[in-house]
Amino acid sequence: LLYVPLHSLWCATRLDEARRRAPVLHRALLVWLLSLTVLFCTNLGQHATTGELWPRLHEAGGAVQGLWNACQLNALRRHLSYPSVDERLGVAAAALASAVVVCAPLLRPHLHEPICGAV
């Protein structure tokens, strides 16, 4: 079941031309694929066990994946000369927002739903 995300991640690491031509976009793709793999793992954990931990991790993983998807779209727009935020600023914003999505619910569990819902 994990073959699809892991194989995609492995193939993306071997894209040398993309790494040279659009390094920020390539990094955003790798992080997005990594978050997809984590999302698959949390989905498996959610069905294998009971409790609130796995569903919360799955929701947070989906939110993180959405953030990095937005980062990729921004980098693609920038690469195609459309108006967009600077690529490095987009990566920094996605990284900071991902840290907030993952860490805030651990520190303040009552913030989990509002944060994932906002993303």
PDB file of N, CA and C in Angstrom:
ATOM      1  N   LEU A   1       0.810  -1.197   0.000  1.00  0.00           N
ATOM      2  CA  LEU A   1       0.000   0.000   0.000  1.00  0.00           C
ATOM      3  C   LEU A   1       0.861   1.273   0.000  1.00  0.00           C
ATOM      4  N   LEU A   2       2.029   1.185   0.579  1.00  0.00           N
ATOM      5  CA  LEU A   2       2.923   2.349   0.606  1.00  0.00           C
ATOM      6  C   LEU A   2       3.805   2.436  -0.644  1.00  0.00           C
ATOM      7  N   TYR A   3       3.630   1.517  -1.579  1.00  0.00           N
ATOM      8  CA  TYR A   3       4.456   1.527  -2.782  1.00  0.00           C
ATOM      9  C   TYR A   3       4.286   2.826  -3.575  1.00  0.00           C
ATOM     10  N   VAL A   4       3.054   3.288  -3.721  1.00  0.00           N
ATOM     11  CA  VAL A   4       2.787   4.476  -4.543  1.00  0.00           C
ATOM     12  C   VAL A   4       3.518   5.710  -4.009  1.00  0.00           C
ATOM     13  N   PRO A   5       3.323   6.096  -2.739  1.00  0.00           N
ATOM     14  CA  PRO A   5       4.035   7.308  -2.290  1.00  0.00           C
ATOM     15  C   PRO A   5       5.543   7.118  -2.200  1.00  0.00           C
ATOM     16  N   LEU A   6       5.991   5.946  -1.772  1.00  0.00           N
ATOM     17  CA  LEU A   6       7.436   5.736  -1.663  1.00  0.00           C
ATOM     18  C   LEU A   6       8.112   5.697  -3.027  1.00  0.00           C
ATOM     19  N   HIS A   7       7.476   5.065  -4.012  1.00  0.00           N
ATOM     20  CA  HIS A   7       8.051   5.024  -5.357  1.00  0.00           C
ATOM     21  C   HIS A   7       8.063   6.427  -5.977  1.00  0.00           C
ATOM     22  N   SER A   8       6.996   7.184  -5.759  1.00  0.00           N
ATOM     23  CA  SER A   8       6.957   8.558  -6.275  1.00  0.00           C
ATOM     24  C   SER A   8       8.056   9.402  -5.645  1.00  0.00           C
ATOM     25  N   LEU A   9       8.250   9.249  -4.343  1.00  0.00           N
ATOM     26  CA  LEU A   9       9.306   9.983  -3.651  1.00  0.00           C
ATOM     27  C   LEU A   9      10.678   9.578  -4.186  1.00  0.00           C
ATOM     28  N   TRP A  10      10.884   8.284  -4.399  1.00  0.00           N
ATOM     29  CA  TRP A  10      12.159   7.804  -4.928  1.00  0.00           C
ATOM     30  C   TRP A  10      12.405   8.364  -6.325  1.00  0.00           C
ATOM     31  N   CYS A  11      11.373   8.356  -7.178  1.00  0.00           N
ATOM     32  CA  CYS A  11      11.533   8.883  -8.547  1.00  0.00           C
ATOM     33  C   CYS A  11      11.836  10.381  -8.530  1.00  0.00           C
ATOM     34  N   ALA A  12      11.181  11.109  -7.635  1.00  0.00           N
ATOM     35  CA  ALA A  12      11.396  12.559  -7.569  1.00  0.00           C
ATOM     36  C   ALA A  12      12.805  12.908  -7.122  1.00  0.00           C
ATOM     37  N   THR A  13      13.424  12.074  -6.302  1.00  0.00           N
ATOM     38  CA  THR A  13      14.798  12.359  -5.873  1.00  0.00           C
ATOM     39  C   THR A  13      15.783  12.189  -7.021  1.00  0.00           C
ATOM     40  N   ARG A  14      15.382  11.504  -8.071  1.00  0.00           N
ATOM     41  CA  ARG A  14      16.271  11.232  -9.195  1.00  0.00           C
ATOM     42  C   ARG A  14      16.073  12.195 -10.363  1.00  0.00           C
ATOM     43  N   LEU A  15      15.291  13.247 -10.189  1.00  0.00           N
ATOM     44  CA  LEU A  15      15.046  14.223 -11.250  1.00  0.00           C
ATOM     45  C   LEU A  15      16.149  15.281 -11.262  1.00  0.00           C
ATOM     46  N   ASP A  16      17.270  14.952 -11.868  1.00  0.00           N
ATOM     47  CA  ASP A  16      18.421  15.859 -11.858  1.00  0.00           C
ATOM     48  C   ASP A  16      18.166  17.145 -12.635  1.00  0.00           C
ATOM     49  N   GLU A  17      17.497  17.055 -13.773  1.00  0.00           N
ATOM     50  CA  GLU A  17      17.251  18.251 -14.578  1.00  0.00           C
ATOM     51  C   GLU A  17      16.316  19.213 -13.836  1.00  0.00           C
ATOM     52  N   ALA A  18      15.292  18.682 -13.191  1.00  0.00           N
ATOM     53  CA  ALA A  18      14.379  19.544 -12.426  1.00  0.00           C
ATOM     54  C   ALA A  18      15.105  20.187 -11.257  1.00  0.00           C
ATOM     55  N   ARG A  19      16.015  19.469 -10.650  1.00  0.00           N
ATOM     56  CA  ARG A  19      16.786  20.023  -9.528  1.00  0.00           C
ATOM     57  C   ARG A  19      17.649  21.189  -9.991  1.00  0.00           C
ATOM     58  N   ARG A  20      18.185  21.105 -11.208  1.00  0.00           N
ATOM     59  CA  ARG A  20      19.015  22.187 -11.732  1.00  0.00           C
ATOM     60  C   ARG A  20      18.183  23.374 -12.202  1.00  0.00           C
ATOM     61  N   ARG A  21      17.084  23.118 -12.904  1.00  0.00           N
ATOM     62  CA  ARG A  21      16.298  24.193 -13.516  1.00  0.00           C
ATOM     63  C   ARG A  21      15.399  24.917 -12.523  1.00  0.00           C
ATOM     64  N   ALA A  22      14.838  24.206 -11.564  1.00  0.00           N
ATOM     65  CA  ALA A  22      13.904  24.813 -10.603  1.00  0.00           C
ATOM     66  C   ALA A  22      14.119  24.183  -9.227  1.00  0.00           C
ATOM     67  N   PRO A  23      15.215  24.562  -8.560  1.00  0.00           N
ATOM     68  CA  PRO A  23      15.553  23.889  -7.301  1.00  0.00           C
ATOM     69  C   PRO A  23      14.510  24.077  -6.195  1.00  0.00           C
ATOM     70  N   VAL A  24      13.915  25.264  -6.111  1.00  0.00           N
ATOM     71  CA  VAL A  24      12.922  25.493  -5.056  1.00  0.00           C
ATOM     72  C   VAL A  24      11.674  24.659  -5.323  1.00  0.00           C
ATOM     73  N   LEU A  25      11.256  24.605  -6.548  1.00  0.00           N
ATOM     74  CA  LEU A  25      10.090  23.806  -6.914  1.00  0.00           C
ATOM     75  C   LEU A  25      10.367  22.324  -6.670  1.00  0.00           C
ATOM     76  N   HIS A  26      11.576  21.884  -6.970  1.00  0.00           N
ATOM     77  CA  HIS A  26      11.939  20.485  -6.740  1.00  0.00           C
ATOM     78  C   HIS A  26      11.910  20.156  -5.255  1.00  0.00           C
ATOM     79  N   ARG A  27      12.428  21.044  -4.415  1.00  0.00           N
ATOM     80  CA  ARG A  27      12.387  20.808  -2.962  1.00  0.00           C
ATOM     81  C   ARG A  27      10.953  20.778  -2.453  1.00  0.00           C
ATOM     82  N   ALA A  28      10.127  21.689  -2.954  1.00  0.00           N
ATOM     83  CA  ALA A  28       8.720  21.705  -2.537  1.00  0.00           C
ATOM     84  C   ALA A  28       8.022  20.405  -2.950  1.00  0.00           C
ATOM     85  N   LEU A  29       8.358  19.889  -4.120  1.00  0.00           N
ATOM     86  CA  LEU A  29       7.792  18.616  -4.558  1.00  0.00           C
ATOM     87  C   LEU A  29       8.215  17.484  -3.634  1.00  0.00           C
ATOM     88  N   LEU A  30       9.491  17.470  -3.248  1.00  0.00           N
ATOM     89  CA  LEU A  30       9.971  16.417  -2.351  1.00  0.00           C
ATOM     90  C   LEU A  30       9.266  16.473  -0.996  1.00  0.00           C
ATOM     91  N   VAL A  31       9.101  17.659  -0.447  1.00  0.00           N
ATOM     92  CA  VAL A  31       8.424  17.780   0.845  1.00  0.00           C
ATOM     93  C   VAL A  31       6.959  17.389   0.711  1.00  0.00           C
ATOM     94  N   TRP A  32       6.325  17.770  -0.402  1.00  0.00           N
ATOM     95  CA  TRP A  32       4.932  17.392  -0.623  1.00  0.00           C
ATOM     96  C   TRP A  32       4.790  15.879  -0.708  1.00  0.00           C
ATOM     97  N   LEU A  33       5.700  15.222  -1.431  1.00  0.00           N
ATOM     98  CA  LEU A  33       5.651  13.759  -1.529  1.00  0.00           C
ATOM     99  C   LEU A  33       5.949  13.099  -0.184  1.00  0.00           C
ATOM    100  N   LEU A  34       6.832  13.691   0.593  1.00  0.00           N
ATOM    101  CA  LEU A  34       7.094  13.174   1.930  1.00  0.00           C
ATOM    102  C   LEU A  34       5.848  13.299   2.805  1.00  0.00           C
ATOM    103  N   SER A  35       5.158  14.436   2.699  1.00  0.00           N
ATOM    104  CA  SER A  35       3.925  14.591   3.478  1.00  0.00           C
ATOM    105  C   SER A  35       2.843  13.635   2.987  1.00  0.00           C
ATOM    106  N   LEU A  36       2.838  13.312   1.687  1.00  0.00           N
ATOM    107  CA  LEU A  36       1.901  12.315   1.165  1.00  0.00           C
ATOM    108  C   LEU A  36       2.189  10.945   1.776  1.00  0.00           C
ATOM    109  N   THR A  37       3.463  10.596   1.890  1.00  0.00           N
ATOM    110  CA  THR A  37       3.846   9.322   2.499  1.00  0.00           C
ATOM    111  C   THR A  37       3.409   9.273   3.956  1.00  0.00           C
ATOM    112  N   VAL A  38       3.619  10.367   4.681  1.00  0.00           N
ATOM    113  CA  VAL A  38       3.177  10.434   6.075  1.00  0.00           C
ATOM    114  C   VAL A  38       1.666  10.313   6.157  1.00  0.00           C
ATOM    115  N   LEU A  39       0.962  10.930   5.233  1.00  0.00           N
ATOM    116  CA  LEU A  39      -0.495  10.854   5.199  1.00  0.00           C
ATOM    117  C   LEU A  39      -0.950   9.408   4.987  1.00  0.00           C
ATOM    118  N   PHE A  40      -0.292   8.684   4.105  1.00  0.00           N
ATOM    119  CA  PHE A  40      -0.614   7.272   3.903  1.00  0.00           C
ATOM    120  C   PHE A  40      -0.370   6.485   5.187  1.00  0.00           C
ATOM    121  N   CYS A  41       0.754   6.732   5.861  1.00  0.00           N
ATOM    122  CA  CYS A  41       1.075   6.019   7.102  1.00  0.00           C
ATOM    123  C   CYS A  41       0.056   6.313   8.194  1.00  0.00           C
ATOM    124  N   THR A  42      -0.329   7.565   8.333  1.00  0.00           N
ATOM    125  CA  THR A  42      -1.318   7.894   9.370  1.00  0.00           C
ATOM    126  C   THR A  42      -2.679   7.298   9.027  1.00  0.00           C
ATOM    127  N   ASN A  43      -2.986   7.189   7.744  1.00  0.00           N
ATOM    128  CA  ASN A  43      -4.238   6.550   7.359  1.00  0.00           C
ATOM    129  C   ASN A  43      -4.217   5.073   7.756  1.00  0.00           C
ATOM    130  N   LEU A  44      -3.092   4.410   7.522  1.00  0.00           N
ATOM    131  CA  LEU A  44      -2.972   3.015   7.938  1.00  0.00           C
ATOM    132  C   LEU A  44      -3.072   2.883   9.456  1.00  0.00           C
ATOM    133  N   GLY A  45      -2.385   3.761  10.177  1.00  0.00           N
ATOM    134  CA  GLY A  45      -2.451   3.725  11.642  1.00  0.00           C
ATOM    135  C   GLY A  45      -3.850   3.993  12.162  1.00  0.00           C
ATOM    136  N   GLN A  46      -4.558   4.855  11.489  1.00  0.00           N
ATOM    137  CA  GLN A  46      -5.917   5.205  11.889  1.00  0.00           C
ATOM    138  C   GLN A  46      -6.834   3.989  11.792  1.00  0.00           C
ATOM    139  N   HIS A  47      -6.619   3.136  10.792  1.00  0.00           N
ATOM    140  CA  HIS A  47      -7.470   1.958  10.625  1.00  0.00           C
ATOM    141  C   HIS A  47      -6.977   0.761  11.436  1.00  0.00           C
ATOM    142  N   ALA A  48      -5.729   0.789  11.851  1.00  0.00           N
ATOM    143  CA  ALA A  48      -5.172  -0.340  12.596  1.00  0.00           C
ATOM    144  C   ALA A  48      -5.395  -0.228  14.099  1.00  0.00           C
ATOM    145  N   THR A  49      -5.532   0.972  14.618  1.00  0.00           N
ATOM    146  CA  THR A  49      -5.683   1.156  16.057  1.00  0.00           C
ATOM    147  C   THR A  49      -6.890   2.047  16.346  1.00  0.00           C
ATOM    148  N   THR A  50      -7.181   2.163  17.622  1.00  0.00           N
ATOM    149  CA  THR A  50      -8.269   3.048  18.035  1.00  0.00           C
ATOM    150  C   THR A  50      -7.675   4.207  18.816  1.00  0.00           C
ATOM    151  N   GLY A  51      -8.491   5.172  19.112  1.00  0.00           N
ATOM    152  CA  GLY A  51      -8.040   6.333  19.858  1.00  0.00           C
ATOM    153  C   GLY A  51      -8.093   7.589  19.013  1.00  0.00           C
ATOM    154  N   GLU A  52      -7.673   8.689  19.611  1.00  0.00           N
ATOM    155  CA  GLU A  52      -7.740   9.984  18.931  1.00  0.00           C
ATOM    156  C   GLU A  52      -6.433  10.411  18.291  1.00  0.00           C
ATOM    157  N   LEU A  53      -5.335   9.742  18.593  1.00  0.00           N
ATOM    158  CA  LEU A  53      -4.034  10.176  18.094  1.00  0.00           C
ATOM    159  C   LEU A  53      -3.938  10.076  16.576  1.00  0.00           C
ATOM    160  N   TRP A  54      -4.240   8.925  15.988  1.00  0.00           N
ATOM    161  CA  TRP A  54      -4.070   8.735  14.554  1.00  0.00           C
ATOM    162  C   TRP A  54      -4.975   9.632  13.725  1.00  0.00           C
ATOM    163  N   PRO A  55      -6.262   9.779  14.093  1.00  0.00           N
ATOM    164  CA  PRO A  55      -7.077  10.724  13.305  1.00  0.00           C
ATOM    165  C   PRO A  55      -6.550  12.155  13.366  1.00  0.00           C
ATOM    166  N   ARG A  56      -6.035  12.575  14.530  1.00  0.00           N
ATOM    167  CA  ARG A  56      -5.463  13.917  14.642  1.00  0.00           C
ATOM    168  C   ARG A  56      -4.211  14.053  13.781  1.00  0.00           C
ATOM    169  N   LEU A  57      -3.358  13.023  13.803  1.00  0.00           N
ATOM    170  CA  LEU A  57      -2.154  13.056  12.962  1.00  0.00           C
ATOM    171  C   LEU A  57      -2.526  13.062  11.479  1.00  0.00           C
ATOM    172  N   HIS A  58      -3.573  12.333  11.134  1.00  0.00           N
ATOM    173  CA  HIS A  58      -4.019  12.291   9.744  1.00  0.00           C
ATOM    174  C   HIS A  58      -4.536  13.661   9.300  1.00  0.00           C
ATOM    175  N   GLU A  59      -5.311  14.322  10.151  1.00  0.00           N
ATOM    176  CA  GLU A  59      -5.803  15.663   9.820  1.00  0.00           C
ATOM    177  C   GLU A  59      -4.645  16.653   9.694  1.00  0.00           C
ATOM    178  N   ALA A  60      -3.694  16.573  10.616  1.00  0.00           N
ATOM    179  CA  ALA A  60      -2.533  17.467  10.545  1.00  0.00           C
ATOM    180  C   ALA A  60      -1.712  17.180   9.286  1.00  0.00           C
ATOM    181  N   GLY A  61      -1.556  15.902   8.931  1.00  0.00           N
ATOM    182  CA  GLY A  61      -0.819  15.547   7.719  1.00  0.00           C
ATOM    183  C   GLY A  61      -1.490  16.081   6.471  1.00  0.00           C
ATOM    184  N   GLY A  62      -2.811  16.027   6.437  1.00  0.00           N
ATOM    185  CA  GLY A  62      -3.543  16.588   5.299  1.00  0.00           C
ATOM    186  C   GLY A  62      -3.366  18.090   5.200  1.00  0.00           C
ATOM    187  N   ALA A  63      -3.362  18.761   6.358  1.00  0.00           N
ATOM    188  CA  ALA A  63      -3.160  20.212   6.362  1.00  0.00           C
ATOM    189  C   ALA A  63      -1.755  20.570   5.889  1.00  0.00           C
ATOM    190  N   VAL A  64      -0.758  19.826   6.357  1.00  0.00           N
ATOM    191  CA  VAL A  64       0.628  20.072   5.929  1.00  0.00           C
ATOM    192  C   VAL A  64       0.770  19.827   4.432  1.00  0.00           C
ATOM    193  N   GLN A  65       0.140  18.773   3.935  1.00  0.00           N
ATOM    194  CA  GLN A  65       0.214  18.499   2.501  1.00  0.00           C
ATOM    195  C   GLN A  65      -0.429  19.638   1.709  1.00  0.00           C
ATOM    196  N   GLY A  66      -1.526  20.169   2.199  1.00  0.00           N
ATOM    197  CA  GLY A  66      -2.164  21.299   1.529  1.00  0.00           C
ATOM    198  C   GLY A  66      -1.280  22.531   1.498  1.00  0.00           C
ATOM    199  N   LEU A  67      -0.554  22.771   2.586  1.00  0.00           N
ATOM    200  CA  LEU A  67       0.363  23.914   2.631  1.00  0.00           C
ATOM    201  C   LEU A  67       1.467  23.781   1.582  1.00  0.00           C
ATOM    202  N   TRP A  68       2.040  22.588   1.469  1.00  0.00           N
ATOM    203  CA  TRP A  68       3.119  22.399   0.505  1.00  0.00           C
ATOM    204  C   TRP A  68       2.599  22.352  -0.922  1.00  0.00           C
ATOM    205  N   ASN A  69       1.329  21.966  -1.094  1.00  0.00           N
ATOM    206  CA  ASN A  69       0.725  22.053  -2.416  1.00  0.00           C
ATOM    207  C   ASN A  69       0.616  23.521  -2.840  1.00  0.00           C
ATOM    208  N   ALA A  70       0.205  24.381  -1.910  1.00  0.00           N
ATOM    209  CA  ALA A  70       0.130  25.816  -2.202  1.00  0.00           C
ATOM    210  C   ALA A  70       1.520  26.373  -2.509  1.00  0.00           C
ATOM    211  N   CYS A  71       2.529  25.883  -1.804  1.00  0.00           N
ATOM    212  CA  CYS A  71       3.903  26.322  -2.056  1.00  0.00           C
ATOM    213  C   CYS A  71       4.343  25.922  -3.469  1.00  0.00           C
ATOM    214  N   GLN A  72       3.997  24.714  -3.891  1.00  0.00           N
ATOM    215  CA  GLN A  72       4.327  24.273  -5.252  1.00  0.00           C
ATOM    216  C   GLN A  72       3.627  25.128  -6.297  1.00  0.00           C
ATOM    217  N   LEU A  73       2.350  25.390  -6.076  1.00  0.00           N
ATOM    218  CA  LEU A  73       1.609  26.215  -7.033  1.00  0.00           C
ATOM    219  C   LEU A  73       2.213  27.614  -7.137  1.00  0.00           C
ATOM    220  N   ASN A  74       2.615  28.174  -6.002  1.00  0.00           N
ATOM    221  CA  ASN A  74       3.258  29.481  -6.016  1.00  0.00           C
ATOM    222  C   ASN A  74       4.575  29.427  -6.801  1.00  0.00           C
ATOM    223  N   ALA A  75       5.373  28.387  -6.560  1.00  0.00           N
ATOM    224  CA  ALA A  75       6.654  28.263  -7.269  1.00  0.00           C
ATOM    225  C   ALA A  75       6.436  28.060  -8.768  1.00  0.00           C
ATOM    226  N   LEU A  76       5.410  27.295  -9.133  1.00  0.00           N
ATOM    227  CA  LEU A  76       5.103  27.123 -10.561  1.00  0.00           C
ATOM    228  C   LEU A  76       4.678  28.439 -11.196  1.00  0.00           C
ATOM    229  N   ARG A  77       3.840  29.192 -10.499  1.00  0.00           N
ATOM    230  CA  ARG A  77       3.421  30.505 -11.019  1.00  0.00           C
ATOM    231  C   ARG A  77       4.637  31.404 -11.199  1.00  0.00           C
ATOM    232  N   ARG A  78       5.532  31.400 -10.231  1.00  0.00           N
ATOM    233  CA  ARG A  78       6.731  32.227 -10.306  1.00  0.00           C
ATOM    234  C   ARG A  78       7.618  31.778 -11.474  1.00  0.00           C
ATOM    235  N   HIS A  79       7.747  30.458 -11.624  1.00  0.00           N
ATOM    236  CA  HIS A  79       8.581  29.902 -12.691  1.00  0.00           C
ATOM    237  C   HIS A  79       8.020  30.251 -14.078  1.00  0.00           C
ATOM    238  N   LEU A  80       6.699  30.386 -14.173  1.00  0.00           N
ATOM    239  CA  LEU A  80       6.054  30.731 -15.446  1.00  0.00           C
ATOM    240  C   LEU A  80       5.853  32.238 -15.614  1.00  0.00           C
ATOM    241  N   SER A  81       6.460  33.025 -14.738  1.00  0.00           N
ATOM    242  CA  SER A  81       6.434  34.493 -14.773  1.00  0.00           C
ATOM    243  C   SER A  81       5.061  35.094 -14.496  1.00  0.00           C
ATOM    244  N   TYR A  82       4.220  34.375 -13.774  1.00  0.00           N
ATOM    245  CA  TYR A  82       2.955  34.952 -13.310  1.00  0.00           C
ATOM    246  C   TYR A  82       3.193  35.683 -12.002  1.00  0.00           C
ATOM    247  N   PRO A  83       2.329  36.633 -11.649  1.00  0.00           N
ATOM    248  CA  PRO A  83       2.511  37.318 -10.372  1.00  0.00           C
ATOM    249  C   PRO A  83       2.375  36.331  -9.206  1.00  0.00           C
ATOM    250  N   SER A  84       3.360  36.344  -8.340  1.00  0.00           N
ATOM    251  CA  SER A  84       3.351  35.443  -7.182  1.00  0.00           C
ATOM    252  C   SER A  84       4.353  35.946  -6.150  1.00  0.00           C
ATOM    253  N   VAL A  85       4.316  35.305  -5.017  1.00  0.00           N
ATOM    254  CA  VAL A  85       5.259  35.610  -3.939  1.00  0.00           C
ATOM    255  C   VAL A  85       6.610  34.993  -4.313  1.00  0.00           C
ATOM    256  N   ASP A  86       7.694  35.576  -3.830  1.00  0.00           N
ATOM    257  CA  ASP A  86       9.025  35.017  -4.068  1.00  0.00           C
ATOM    258  C   ASP A  86       9.054  33.551  -3.626  1.00  0.00           C
ATOM    259  N   GLU A  87       9.735  32.691  -4.400  1.00  0.00           N
ATOM    260  CA  GLU A  87       9.761  31.253  -4.112  1.00  0.00           C
ATOM    261  C   GLU A  87      10.284  30.945  -2.716  1.00  0.00           C
ATOM    262  N   ARG A  88      11.361  31.611  -2.331  1.00  0.00           N
ATOM    263  CA  ARG A  88      11.952  31.339  -1.015  1.00  0.00           C
ATOM    264  C   ARG A  88      11.026  31.788   0.111  1.00  0.00           C
ATOM    265  N   LEU A  89      10.313  32.872  -0.104  1.00  0.00           N
ATOM    266  CA  LEU A  89       9.336  33.323   0.886  1.00  0.00           C
ATOM    267  C   LEU A  89       8.181  32.323   0.986  1.00  0.00           C
ATOM    268  N   GLY A  90       7.766  31.760  -0.148  1.00  0.00           N
ATOM    269  CA  GLY A  90       6.723  30.738  -0.142  1.00  0.00           C
ATOM    270  C   GLY A  90       7.143  29.496   0.615  1.00  0.00           C
ATOM    271  N   VAL A  91       8.396  29.074   0.427  1.00  0.00           N
ATOM    272  CA  VAL A  91       8.913  27.908   1.152  1.00  0.00           C
ATOM    273  C   VAL A  91       8.987  28.208   2.649  1.00  0.00           C
ATOM    274  N   ALA A  92       9.463  29.387   2.991  1.00  0.00           N
ATOM    275  CA  ALA A  92       9.547  29.755   4.409  1.00  0.00           C
ATOM    276  C   ALA A  92       8.161  29.810   5.044  1.00  0.00           C
ATOM    277  N   ALA A  93       7.192  30.368   4.322  1.00  0.00           N
ATOM    278  CA  ALA A  93       5.823  30.440   4.861  1.00  0.00           C
ATOM    279  C   ALA A  93       5.237  29.041   5.032  1.00  0.00           C
ATOM    280  N   ALA A  94       5.461  28.159   4.054  1.00  0.00           N
ATOM    281  CA  ALA A  94       4.948  26.788   4.160  1.00  0.00           C
ATOM    282  C   ALA A  94       5.613  26.036   5.306  1.00  0.00           C
ATOM    283  N   ALA A  95       6.920  26.228   5.484  1.00  0.00           N
ATOM    284  CA  ALA A  95       7.624  25.558   6.574  1.00  0.00           C
ATOM    285  C   ALA A  95       7.147  26.052   7.933  1.00  0.00           C
ATOM    286  N   LEU A  96       6.990  27.371   8.072  1.00  0.00           N
ATOM    287  CA  LEU A  96       6.517  27.932   9.336  1.00  0.00           C
ATOM    288  C   LEU A  96       5.090  27.480   9.632  1.00  0.00           C
ATOM    289  N   ALA A  97       4.223  27.533   8.636  1.00  0.00           N
ATOM    290  CA  ALA A  97       2.838  27.104   8.842  1.00  0.00           C
ATOM    291  C   ALA A  97       2.767  25.610   9.145  1.00  0.00           C
ATOM    292  N   SER A  98       3.629  24.810   8.515  1.00  0.00           N
ATOM    293  CA  SER A  98       3.657  23.370   8.809  1.00  0.00           C
ATOM    294  C   SER A  98       4.073  23.116  10.249  1.00  0.00           C
ATOM    295  N   ALA A  99       5.056  23.866  10.723  1.00  0.00           N
ATOM    296  CA  ALA A  99       5.476  23.729  12.121  1.00  0.00           C
ATOM    297  C   ALA A  99       4.346  24.093  13.074  1.00  0.00           C
ATOM    298  N   VAL A 100       3.610  25.130  12.747  1.00  0.00           N
ATOM    299  CA  VAL A 100       2.473  25.537  13.591  1.00  0.00           C
ATOM    300  C   VAL A 100       1.400  24.456  13.584  1.00  0.00           C
ATOM    301  N   VAL A 101       1.091  23.919  12.401  1.00  0.00           N
ATOM    302  CA  VAL A 101       0.048  22.892  12.300  1.00  0.00           C
ATOM    303  C   VAL A 101       0.419  21.651  13.102  1.00  0.00           C
ATOM    304  N   VAL A 102       1.685  21.275  13.078  1.00  0.00           N
ATOM    305  CA  VAL A 102       2.110  20.056  13.764  1.00  0.00           C
ATOM    306  C   VAL A 102       2.330  20.292  15.267  1.00  0.00           C
ATOM    307  N   CYS A 103       2.949  21.402  15.639  1.00  0.00           N
ATOM    308  CA  CYS A 103       3.337  21.617  17.038  1.00  0.00           C
ATOM    309  C   CYS A 103       2.244  22.216  17.927  1.00  0.00           C
ATOM    310  N   ALA A 104       1.449  23.120  17.397  1.00  0.00           N
ATOM    311  CA  ALA A 104       0.449  23.784  18.237  1.00  0.00           C
ATOM    312  C   ALA A 104      -0.537  22.805  18.866  1.00  0.00           C
ATOM    313  N   PRO A 105      -1.074  21.843  18.118  1.00  0.00           N
ATOM    314  CA  PRO A 105      -1.988  20.901  18.763  1.00  0.00           C
ATOM    315  C   PRO A 105      -1.321  20.021  19.819  1.00  0.00           C
ATOM    316  N   LEU A 106      -0.019  19.795  19.692  1.00  0.00           N
ATOM    317  CA  LEU A 106       0.676  19.023  20.711  1.00  0.00           C
ATOM    318  C   LEU A 106       0.801  19.818  22.003  1.00  0.00           C
ATOM    319  N   LEU A 107       1.014  21.122  21.861  1.00  0.00           N
ATOM    320  CA  LEU A 107       1.144  21.980  23.034  1.00  0.00           C
ATOM    321  C   LEU A 107      -0.215  22.403  23.585  1.00  0.00           C
ATOM    322  N   ARG A 108      -1.159  22.646  22.718  1.00  0.00           N
ATOM    323  CA  ARG A 108      -2.512  23.070  23.091  1.00  0.00           C
ATOM    324  C   ARG A 108      -3.522  22.217  22.312  1.00  0.00           C
ATOM    325  N   PRO A 109      -3.925  21.065  22.845  1.00  0.00           N
ATOM    326  CA  PRO A 109      -4.802  20.162  22.102  1.00  0.00           C
ATOM    327  C   PRO A 109      -6.124  20.787  21.646  1.00  0.00           C
ATOM    328  N   HIS A 110      -6.623  21.766  22.383  1.00  0.00           N
ATOM    329  CA  HIS A 110      -7.889  22.384  21.983  1.00  0.00           C
ATOM    330  C   HIS A 110      -7.761  23.226  20.709  1.00  0.00           C
ATOM    331  N   LEU A 111      -6.530  23.490  20.251  1.00  0.00           N
ATOM    332  CA  LEU A 111      -6.320  24.272  19.032  1.00  0.00           C
ATOM    333  C   LEU A 111      -6.246  23.423  17.770  1.00  0.00           C
ATOM    334  N   HIS A 112      -6.308  22.115  17.919  1.00  0.00           N
ATOM    335  CA  HIS A 112      -6.137  21.228  16.764  1.00  0.00           C
ATOM    336  C   HIS A 112      -7.176  21.490  15.675  1.00  0.00           C
ATOM    337  N   GLU A 113      -8.440  21.434  16.024  1.00  0.00           N
ATOM    338  CA  GLU A 113      -9.496  21.611  15.015  1.00  0.00           C
ATOM    339  C   GLU A 113      -9.503  22.997  14.388  1.00  0.00           C
ATOM    340  N   PRO A 114      -9.366  24.084  15.185  1.00  0.00           N
ATOM    341  CA  PRO A 114      -9.348  25.401  14.524  1.00  0.00           C
ATOM    342  C   PRO A 114      -8.166  25.592  13.575  1.00  0.00           C
ATOM    343  N   ILE A 115      -7.008  25.075  13.941  1.00  0.00           N
ATOM    344  CA  ILE A 115      -5.819  25.249  13.093  1.00  0.00           C
ATOM    345  C   ILE A 115      -5.950  24.433  11.821  1.00  0.00           C
ATOM    346  N   CYS A 116      -6.315  23.154  11.930  1.00  0.00           N
ATOM    347  CA  CYS A 116      -6.460  22.324  10.729  1.00  0.00           C
ATOM    348  C   CYS A 116      -7.625  22.840   9.862  1.00  0.00           C
ATOM    349  N   GLY A 117      -8.665  23.344  10.486  1.00  0.00           N
ATOM    350  CA  GLY A 117      -9.775  23.896   9.731  1.00  0.00           C
ATOM    351  C   GLY A 117      -9.393  25.168   8.989  1.00  0.00           C
ATOM    352  N   ALA A 118      -8.534  25.975   9.589  1.00  0.00           N
ATOM    353  CA  ALA A 118      -8.106  27.209   8.940  1.00  0.00           C
ATOM    354  C   ALA A 118      -7.223  26.936   7.733  1.00  0.00           C
ATOM    355  N   VAL A 119      -6.423  25.896   7.819  1.00  0.00           N
ATOM    356  CA  VAL A 119      -5.537  25.567   6.701  1.00  0.00           C
ATOM    357  C   VAL A 119      -6.352  24.994   5.574  1.00  0.00           C
TER     358      VAL A 119
END
